[in-house]
Every structure is written in structure tokens, then in C-alpha cells.
């Protein structure tokens, strides 16, 4: 297979198919089912997922928890409103954070930013990292727990920018999976958003085993690919934790020739970042900047659940590598015609 180019991942996506709100019930989003062997495509609801899995099959979920990463502050002296997007904590003791600021041209080293009605939280800009990136030091007296509580109180759910409306209290719940535990993501692992407690329970009763990994999703997920030659694109590094318990569940599924399902592209990238020579999953704690695009041989999962992604995105490239590029582009064609909903709050796809 010849090297694939960026332009091969383009398609026309009508604006009205971008989901602004989640489906009424988590597990009642639509589900497109693709059979790779035969090329057959079915149209179902997400809760019909249960019919494709049986006892001993494995689902691997990403248990990262989204934190309220978007904050609004005011610049000292001018009072100009500034959006601060918390990317990651650099140092817990000195409360140093890697952030993005908007508008960036006004924010210089030495500036102070005030947050909250009563300016109860202050941060100082101590470094420029990129055109929009800054390092902030929060000036806060008190225990770390109180500082985190303050950020949670002042921050809002970081819905992606293409959702143009204001954040609602509903988003706090719905832009989070029901199995979210480990705080650290600035975007939700969206394939997992469709699982309801009831569906999880029914899968469990059927004998499906769940493994959990943690991959803290960074904004790099949304970073556009700007090179036609995909081998030259660099992914941002994201933190990954795969524990021994998860590897045991997954490897047992592989050994018993069961379905091993990656719930989302983040899970797929995490597990493909830690494969043993005999094609089993190894425990891992560290970072991954793995970029998967066709052609690629997958080692761990033999099926996956994913949402419908943007044209030209690294996410579309990964699922094309898994599904087969032609079949995937055909499926996307059908998705547009059938008016499936796209992106974070959109519908889902099961690739078997």
C-alpha cells in the first residue's frame, strides 16, 4: 500500500450535522455497525451494542476524568477579559500550570490575572511557551485541596470550541463518562459517553469483562494536521497508565480468542503504545505520542467503538487504519446521507 496523504482524509461535512447537544439518553444515540470482513453496514441504536458481545469478551475503557479547564479572568490594571485554558499542572508545590490564553497578544511575562467575582484567585505569567501558550504561577495560600476546589469552582466544562453555545449544568454531567475516575483530561473520551449505567450492568450480566486504562487527553487531540506527508506529523504527548489488572483482563481475552474492544481512539492509542513481542498488552506508566495512520498492523484490539470525526483529523486516520480506508470513507459517505450526528456529542460507530 502506498503512503497515504492528508488529502485522502477529506470529505464534505454539512455544518448542521455537528452535534451541539448530547442525545436525550446516553445509550440512545445512533450506532453504525461496520463488518470489516463483509463490508456490511447496519444502522442501530447504541444500546443494541449488547447483541454483538458475549461472555468472555473484553471492553477496554478510558477512565480519565475531564476537569473544568476553561477559566475566565481579568488582566490587572486594564481589567480586560482573558480566557485561560488549563492544559496541565507542571508543579504541584509551586502551583505552576501550562495554559493557553486568549487573546494572547495582550498577555506578557509579569502580568497578573485575577479570577472570581472577588478576585479570590490570582495568577502571574512567568513564561511564554508558544504563541498562545503561557506558564502561570497561581498565588494561593492554603492547602492544595483548597486550591483545587477553587479551580473547580471557577472553571467551566471545556466543551470543544466548535460547540458555539454556552455551557449548561447538564454539560457537567454529560461531557463526562459514567466511569470517569482519574482527573486530568481537558477533553472527554467521547466514545465512552454513550455508556449508561443500565447498559454497563446488562453487559456485565452477559459476562463481558471491563478493563480500564487512563489516558489524559490533551488539546493535541484537536490539533490540525498541517503536512500532506503524514509521516511528518508530530502528535502531542499524553500521559498513559495501564495497570497490571487491565493487562490480565485483556490478555485473557486475547488468549481465549474473544472480542477485545477498544472503546475510543484514546484507548486504541494507549494499548498500541505498550505491546509485548508476542502481541500481548504490557503494563505501562508514562507518555505516548503515538500517531496511527494507514497502513498499520494492530496488535491488541480486534474491534472498536468510536464517534464520527472531523475531516482531515488524526482520529479519522486511526479508524481508517483499523477499518480499511475505502470502507471507512464509504461509511462516512453513508453517515452524511443518513444524517448521523458528528463529533463529541454525536453518534457512534462499532467496527467489528
Protein backbone atom coordinates (compact mmCIF):
# COMPACT_ATOMS: atom_id res chain seq x y z
CA UNK A 1 0.00 0.00 0.00
CA UNK A 2 1.44 3.37 -0.95
CA UNK A 3 1.91 6.12 1.61
CA UNK A 4 -1.34 7.92 2.34
CA UNK A 5 -1.68 11.65 2.02
CA UNK A 6 -3.60 14.11 4.16
CA UNK A 7 -5.99 15.00 1.31
CA UNK A 8 -7.28 11.40 1.21
CA UNK A 9 -9.00 12.03 4.56
CA UNK A 10 -11.15 14.90 3.39
CA UNK A 11 -14.93 14.76 3.00
CA UNK A 12 -17.77 17.26 2.96
CA UNK A 13 -19.39 17.62 6.38
CA UNK A 14 -22.53 19.80 6.44
CA UNK A 15 -22.47 22.19 9.39
CA UNK A 16 -25.89 21.04 10.64
CA UNK A 17 -24.57 17.52 11.36
CA UNK A 18 -22.28 18.81 14.11
CA UNK A 19 -23.98 17.85 17.37
CA UNK A 20 -24.47 20.83 19.70
CA UNK A 21 -26.18 18.78 22.41
CA UNK A 22 -25.92 15.15 23.56
CA UNK A 23 -28.71 12.65 22.75
CA UNK A 24 -31.53 12.64 25.31
CA UNK A 25 -30.36 9.33 26.81
CA UNK A 26 -26.74 8.28 26.70
CA UNK A 27 -27.34 4.85 25.19
CA UNK A 28 -29.90 6.02 22.63
CA UNK A 29 -27.51 7.76 20.28
CA UNK A 30 -27.43 6.07 16.89
CA UNK A 31 -24.90 3.33 16.22
CA UNK A 32 -23.49 2.43 12.83
CA UNK A 33 -22.15 -1.13 12.81
CA UNK A 34 -19.45 -1.96 10.25
CA UNK A 35 -18.42 -5.54 9.50
CA UNK A 36 -14.89 -5.38 8.11
CA UNK A 37 -14.91 -8.90 6.65
CA UNK A 38 -18.02 -8.47 4.53
CA UNK A 39 -18.29 -4.68 4.22
CA UNK A 40 -21.85 -4.89 5.59
CA UNK A 41 -23.13 -1.74 7.34
CA UNK A 42 -26.05 -1.75 9.81
CA UNK A 43 -27.96 1.08 11.49
CA UNK A 44 -28.81 0.54 15.16
CA UNK A 45 -29.05 2.36 18.49
CA UNK A 46 -26.11 2.38 20.88
CA UNK A 47 -27.87 0.11 23.38
CA UNK A 48 -28.09 -2.59 20.65
CA UNK A 49 -24.34 -2.95 21.20
CA UNK A 50 -25.12 -5.71 23.66
CA UNK A 51 -26.18 -8.03 20.81
CA UNK A 52 -22.64 -8.07 19.39
CA UNK A 53 -20.86 -9.19 22.55
CA UNK A 54 -20.93 -12.37 24.60
CA UNK A 55 -19.40 -13.99 27.65
CA UNK A 56 -15.63 -13.61 27.94
CA UNK A 57 -15.43 -10.66 25.53
CA UNK A 58 -13.46 -7.65 26.77
CA UNK A 59 -14.11 -3.92 26.60
CA UNK A 60 -11.29 -1.52 27.41
CA UNK A 61 -12.40 1.91 28.64
CA UNK A 62 -10.52 5.14 29.32
CA UNK A 63 -11.33 6.19 32.92
CA UNK A 64 -9.83 9.68 32.65
CA UNK A 65 -11.91 12.48 34.15
CA UNK A 66 -12.30 15.87 32.49
CA UNK A 67 -11.55 18.77 34.80
CA UNK A 68 -13.15 22.24 34.43
CA UNK A 69 -10.22 23.56 32.43
CA UNK A 70 -11.67 26.76 30.98
CA UNK A 71 -11.47 29.80 33.22
CA UNK A 72 -12.19 33.48 32.66
CA UNK A 73 -10.09 36.12 34.36
CA UNK A 74 -9.29 39.80 34.15
CA UNK A 75 -5.95 41.40 33.47
CA UNK A 76 -4.63 43.70 36.18
CA UNK A 77 -4.91 47.45 35.55
CA UNK A 78 -6.88 47.19 32.26
CA UNK A 79 -9.46 44.67 33.51
CA UNK A 80 -9.54 43.10 30.01
CA UNK A 81 -11.35 39.75 29.96
CA UNK A 82 -8.99 36.85 29.30
CA UNK A 83 -9.80 33.20 28.69
CA UNK A 84 -7.33 30.83 30.33
CA UNK A 85 -7.39 27.18 29.30
CA UNK A 86 -5.57 24.94 31.79
CA UNK A 87 -3.60 22.30 29.89
CA UNK A 88 -1.67 20.60 32.65
CA UNK A 89 -0.15 21.03 36.05
CA UNK A 90 3.64 21.35 35.86
CA UNK A 91 4.48 21.57 39.53
CA UNK A 92 2.15 20.91 42.43
CA UNK A 93 4.26 22.60 45.12
CA UNK A 94 4.65 25.89 43.32
CA UNK A 95 1.25 25.73 41.55
CA UNK A 96 2.78 26.08 38.09
CA UNK A 97 0.47 25.37 35.13
CA UNK A 98 0.85 25.10 31.40
CA UNK A 99 -2.05 27.11 29.88
CA UNK A 100 -3.35 28.69 26.71
CA UNK A 101 -4.53 32.31 26.82
CA UNK A 102 -6.88 34.20 24.55
CA UNK A 103 -6.41 36.92 23.36
CA UNK A 104 -2.72 36.07 23.65
CA UNK A 105 -1.11 39.24 22.33
CA UNK A 106 -2.10 41.13 25.48
CA UNK A 107 -0.60 38.67 27.93
CA UNK A 108 3.06 39.20 28.73
CA UNK A 109 5.51 37.86 31.28
CA UNK A 110 4.95 39.61 34.61
CA UNK A 111 1.22 40.26 34.03
CA UNK A 112 -1.15 39.29 36.80
CA UNK A 113 -4.56 37.77 36.13
CA UNK A 114 -7.47 37.87 38.58
CA UNK A 115 -10.21 35.22 38.78
CA UNK A 116 -13.59 35.12 40.55
CA UNK A 117 -16.07 37.86 41.41
CA UNK A 118 -13.94 38.88 44.35
CA UNK A 119 -10.56 38.31 42.63
CA UNK A 120 -10.08 35.47 45.10
CA UNK A 121 -7.54 33.71 42.88
CA UNK A 122 -4.55 35.40 41.30
CA UNK A 123 -2.01 34.07 38.80
CA UNK A 124 1.20 35.53 37.46
CA UNK A 125 2.52 34.92 33.93
CA UNK A 126 6.08 33.64 34.25
CA UNK A 127 6.89 32.32 30.76
CA UNK A 128 5.82 32.25 27.10
CA UNK A 129 5.77 28.72 25.68
CA UNK A 130 4.12 29.14 22.25
CA UNK A 131 2.18 31.93 20.53
CA UNK A 132 -0.83 31.24 22.76
CA UNK A 133 0.88 29.16 25.44
CA UNK A 134 1.99 30.57 28.79
CA UNK A 135 3.24 29.23 32.11
CA UNK A 136 1.23 30.59 35.05
CA UNK A 137 2.05 30.51 38.73
CA UNK A 138 -1.06 30.63 40.88
CA UNK A 139 -0.64 32.70 44.04
CA UNK A 140 -2.68 30.86 46.64
CA UNK A 141 -2.20 30.50 50.38
CA UNK A 142 -3.71 27.36 51.77
CA UNK A 143 -3.73 23.59 51.32
CA UNK A 144 -3.55 22.12 47.81
CA UNK A 145 -7.06 20.63 48.19
CA UNK A 146 -8.47 24.13 48.72
CA UNK A 147 -6.64 25.38 45.63
CA UNK A 148 -8.10 22.52 43.53
CA UNK A 149 -11.58 23.21 44.95
CA UNK A 150 -11.17 26.87 43.96
CA UNK A 151 -10.23 25.96 40.39
CA UNK A 152 -13.17 23.56 40.17
CA UNK A 153 -15.49 26.30 41.42
CA UNK A 154 -14.17 28.94 39.00
CA UNK A 155 -13.56 26.75 35.94
CA UNK A 156 -16.16 25.52 33.47
CA UNK A 157 -16.55 22.32 31.46
CA UNK A 158 -14.18 22.66 28.49
CA UNK A 159 -16.62 21.93 25.67
CA UNK A 160 -14.80 21.97 22.32
CA UNK A 161 -14.76 25.34 20.54
CA UNK A 162 -16.99 24.18 17.67
CA UNK A 163 -19.90 23.99 20.15
CA UNK A 164 -20.91 27.63 19.95
CA UNK A 165 -23.44 27.77 22.80
CA UNK A 166 -22.90 28.49 26.49
CA UNK A 167 -22.04 25.64 28.84
CA UNK A 168 -25.04 24.35 30.81
CA UNK A 169 -25.18 22.43 34.13
CA UNK A 170 -26.17 19.40 32.02
CA UNK A 171 -22.78 19.52 30.29
CA UNK A 172 -21.01 18.99 33.62
CA UNK A 173 -22.59 15.56 33.75
CA UNK A 174 -22.84 14.66 30.07
CA UNK A 175 -19.33 15.70 28.98
CA UNK A 176 -18.03 13.06 31.39
CA UNK A 177 -18.24 9.27 31.11
CA UNK A 178 -20.05 7.43 33.90
CA UNK A 179 -16.79 5.56 34.67
CA UNK A 180 -14.61 8.71 34.84
CA UNK A 181 -12.30 8.49 37.87
CA UNK A 182 -8.77 9.81 37.29
CA UNK A 183 -8.81 13.57 36.84
CA UNK A 184 -6.52 15.04 34.20
CA UNK A 185 -8.17 15.33 30.76
CA UNK A 186 -9.11 18.56 29.00
CA UNK A 187 -11.41 16.71 26.57
CA UNK A 188 -13.70 13.74 27.11
CA UNK A 189 -13.01 10.27 25.68
CA UNK A 190 -16.17 10.67 23.63
CA UNK A 191 -16.81 7.05 22.57
CA UNK A 192 -17.33 6.30 26.28
CA UNK A 193 -20.00 8.97 26.69
CA UNK A 194 -22.66 6.61 25.26
CA UNK A 195 -22.44 4.05 28.05
CA UNK A 196 -25.29 4.25 30.56
CA UNK A 197 -25.27 2.50 33.94
CA UNK A 198 -28.02 0.22 32.73
CA UNK A 199 -26.12 -0.83 29.59
CA UNK A 200 -22.94 -1.46 31.61
CA UNK A 201 -24.94 -3.63 34.01
CA UNK A 202 -26.50 -5.62 31.16
CA UNK A 203 -23.10 -6.18 29.55
CA UNK A 204 -21.74 -7.32 32.89
CA UNK A 205 -24.60 -9.77 33.38
CA UNK A 206 -23.85 -11.14 29.93
CA UNK A 207 -20.30 -11.90 31.08
CA UNK A 208 -18.43 -9.11 29.30
CA UNK A 209 -15.24 -8.11 31.16
CA UNK A 210 -14.13 -4.49 31.51
CA UNK A 211 -10.54 -3.31 31.61
CA UNK A 212 -9.66 0.30 32.41
CA UNK A 213 -6.72 2.34 31.20
CA UNK A 214 -6.07 6.04 31.82
CA UNK A 215 -5.05 8.36 29.02
CA UNK A 216 -5.32 12.03 29.91
CA UNK A 217 -6.48 13.66 26.71
CA UNK A 218 -4.73 16.93 25.86
CA UNK A 219 -5.70 19.58 23.32
CA UNK A 220 -3.35 17.91 20.82
CA UNK A 221 -6.34 15.68 20.03
CA UNK A 222 -7.81 18.64 18.13
CA UNK A 223 -4.55 19.87 16.60
CA UNK A 224 -4.90 20.05 12.83
CA UNK A 225 -2.52 18.09 10.62
CA UNK A 226 -0.68 20.66 8.53
CA UNK A 227 1.52 18.40 6.40
CA UNK A 228 0.43 16.45 3.31
CA UNK A 229 3.04 13.77 4.15
CA UNK A 230 1.60 12.11 7.27
CA UNK A 231 4.96 10.69 8.38
CA UNK A 232 5.98 14.26 9.19
CA UNK A 233 3.12 15.00 11.61
CA UNK A 234 4.01 15.01 15.31
CA UNK A 235 1.40 14.16 17.94
CA UNK A 236 1.45 15.88 21.34
CA UNK A 237 2.45 13.62 24.23
CA UNK A 238 -0.30 12.47 26.57
CA UNK A 239 0.01 10.70 29.90
CA UNK A 240 -0.90 7.00 29.98
CA UNK A 241 -1.39 4.48 32.79
CA UNK A 242 -2.07 0.80 32.04
CA UNK A 243 -2.09 -1.28 35.23
CA UNK A 244 -1.47 -4.99 35.73
CA UNK A 245 -5.14 -5.75 36.38
CA UNK A 246 -6.14 -4.34 32.98
CA UNK A 247 -3.39 -6.27 31.15
CA UNK A 248 -4.56 -9.52 32.75
CA UNK A 249 -8.17 -8.97 31.62
CA UNK A 250 -7.11 -8.01 28.08
CA UNK A 251 -4.53 -10.79 27.66
CA UNK A 252 -7.00 -13.40 28.85
CA UNK A 253 -9.40 -12.17 26.15
CA UNK A 254 -6.64 -12.43 23.52
CA UNK A 255 -5.62 -15.92 24.70
CA UNK A 256 -9.23 -17.13 24.55
CA UNK A 257 -9.70 -15.60 21.07
CA UNK A 258 -12.53 -13.37 22.31
CA UNK A 259 -13.58 -9.94 21.13
CA UNK A 260 -11.27 -7.32 22.58
CA UNK A 261 -12.93 -3.96 22.03
CA UNK A 262 -11.15 -0.62 22.34
CA UNK A 263 -13.72 1.97 23.46
CA UNK A 264 -12.40 5.01 21.62
CA UNK A 265 -9.32 6.17 19.75
CA UNK A 266 -7.58 7.14 23.01
CA UNK A 267 -7.80 3.56 24.28
CA UNK A 268 -6.53 2.27 20.94
CA UNK A 269 -3.52 4.59 21.04
CA UNK A 270 -2.78 3.72 24.67
CA UNK A 271 -2.85 -0.05 24.22
CA UNK A 272 -0.90 0.08 20.95
CA UNK A 273 1.78 2.02 22.84
CA UNK A 274 2.58 -0.92 25.13
CA UNK A 275 2.64 -4.21 23.21
CA UNK A 276 4.89 -7.19 24.06
CA UNK A 277 6.81 -9.08 21.35
CA UNK A 278 4.18 -11.83 21.40
CA UNK A 279 1.29 -9.39 20.84
CA UNK A 280 0.08 -9.07 24.42
CA UNK A 281 -0.59 -5.94 26.48
CA UNK A 282 2.12 -4.82 28.91
CA UNK A 283 1.61 -2.62 31.99
CA UNK A 284 2.84 0.90 31.32
CA UNK A 285 3.10 4.25 33.04
CA UNK A 286 4.47 7.15 31.07
CA UNK A 287 3.68 9.19 27.96
CA UNK A 288 2.64 8.40 24.42
CA UNK A 289 2.73 10.44 21.24
CA UNK A 290 1.76 7.51 19.04
CA UNK A 291 0.25 8.52 15.71
CA UNK A 292 -1.61 5.74 13.91
CA UNK A 293 -2.48 6.07 10.23
CA UNK A 294 -2.83 3.55 7.36
CA UNK A 295 -1.22 1.14 6.74
CA UNK A 296 -0.86 -0.11 10.33
CA UNK A 297 -0.94 -3.58 11.92
CA UNK A 298 -2.95 -3.60 15.15
CA UNK A 299 -1.83 -5.96 17.91
CA UNK A 300 -4.37 -5.90 20.74
CA UNK A 301 -7.95 -4.93 19.88
CA UNK A 302 -9.96 -6.69 17.19
CA UNK A 303 -12.97 -4.36 17.35
CA UNK A 304 -13.56 -0.78 18.40
CA UNK A 305 -16.20 1.81 19.27
CA UNK A 306 -15.70 5.38 18.12
CA UNK A 307 -17.62 8.57 17.32
CA UNK A 308 -17.82 10.29 13.94
CA UNK A 309 -14.79 12.53 13.46
CA UNK A 310 -13.79 15.66 11.58
CA UNK A 311 -12.39 15.66 8.07
CA UNK A 312 -8.55 15.54 8.00
CA UNK A 313 -8.29 14.62 11.70
CA UNK A 314 -5.78 12.19 13.25
CA UNK A 315 -8.81 10.37 14.73
CA UNK A 316 -10.23 9.66 11.27
CA UNK A 317 -6.79 8.41 10.21
CA UNK A 318 -6.63 5.97 13.10
CA UNK A 319 -10.06 4.47 12.42
CA UNK A 320 -9.26 4.29 8.68
CA UNK A 321 -6.18 2.26 9.56
CA UNK A 322 -8.36 -0.06 11.64
CA UNK A 323 -11.37 -0.37 9.34
CA UNK A 324 -9.73 -0.09 5.93
CA UNK A 325 -9.61 3.29 4.24
CA UNK A 326 -12.08 2.65 1.41
CA UNK A 327 -14.70 1.07 3.63
CA UNK A 328 -14.34 3.88 6.17
CA UNK A 329 -14.79 6.64 3.59
CA UNK A 330 -17.81 4.78 2.18
CA UNK A 331 -19.27 4.54 5.72
CA UNK A 332 -18.72 8.28 6.24
CA UNK A 333 -20.49 8.97 2.95
CA UNK A 334 -23.46 6.99 4.21
CA UNK A 335 -23.28 8.72 7.63
CA UNK A 336 -23.62 12.13 5.96
CA UNK A 337 -26.53 10.96 3.77
CA UNK A 338 -28.28 9.31 6.74
CA UNK A 339 -27.70 12.44 8.84
CA UNK A 340 -25.69 10.83 11.64
CA UNK A 341 -24.51 13.38 14.19
CA UNK A 342 -20.78 14.15 14.31
CA UNK A 343 -18.14 14.97 16.94
CA UNK A 344 -18.08 14.82 20.73
CA UNK A 345 -21.83 14.82 21.37
CA UNK A 346 -22.62 12.91 18.18
CA UNK A 347 -23.46 9.31 17.29
CA UNK A 348 -21.26 6.22 17.48
CA UNK A 349 -19.77 3.53 15.30
CA UNK A 350 -18.91 -0.08 16.13
CA UNK A 351 -16.23 -1.58 13.87
CA UNK A 352 -16.18 -5.38 14.03
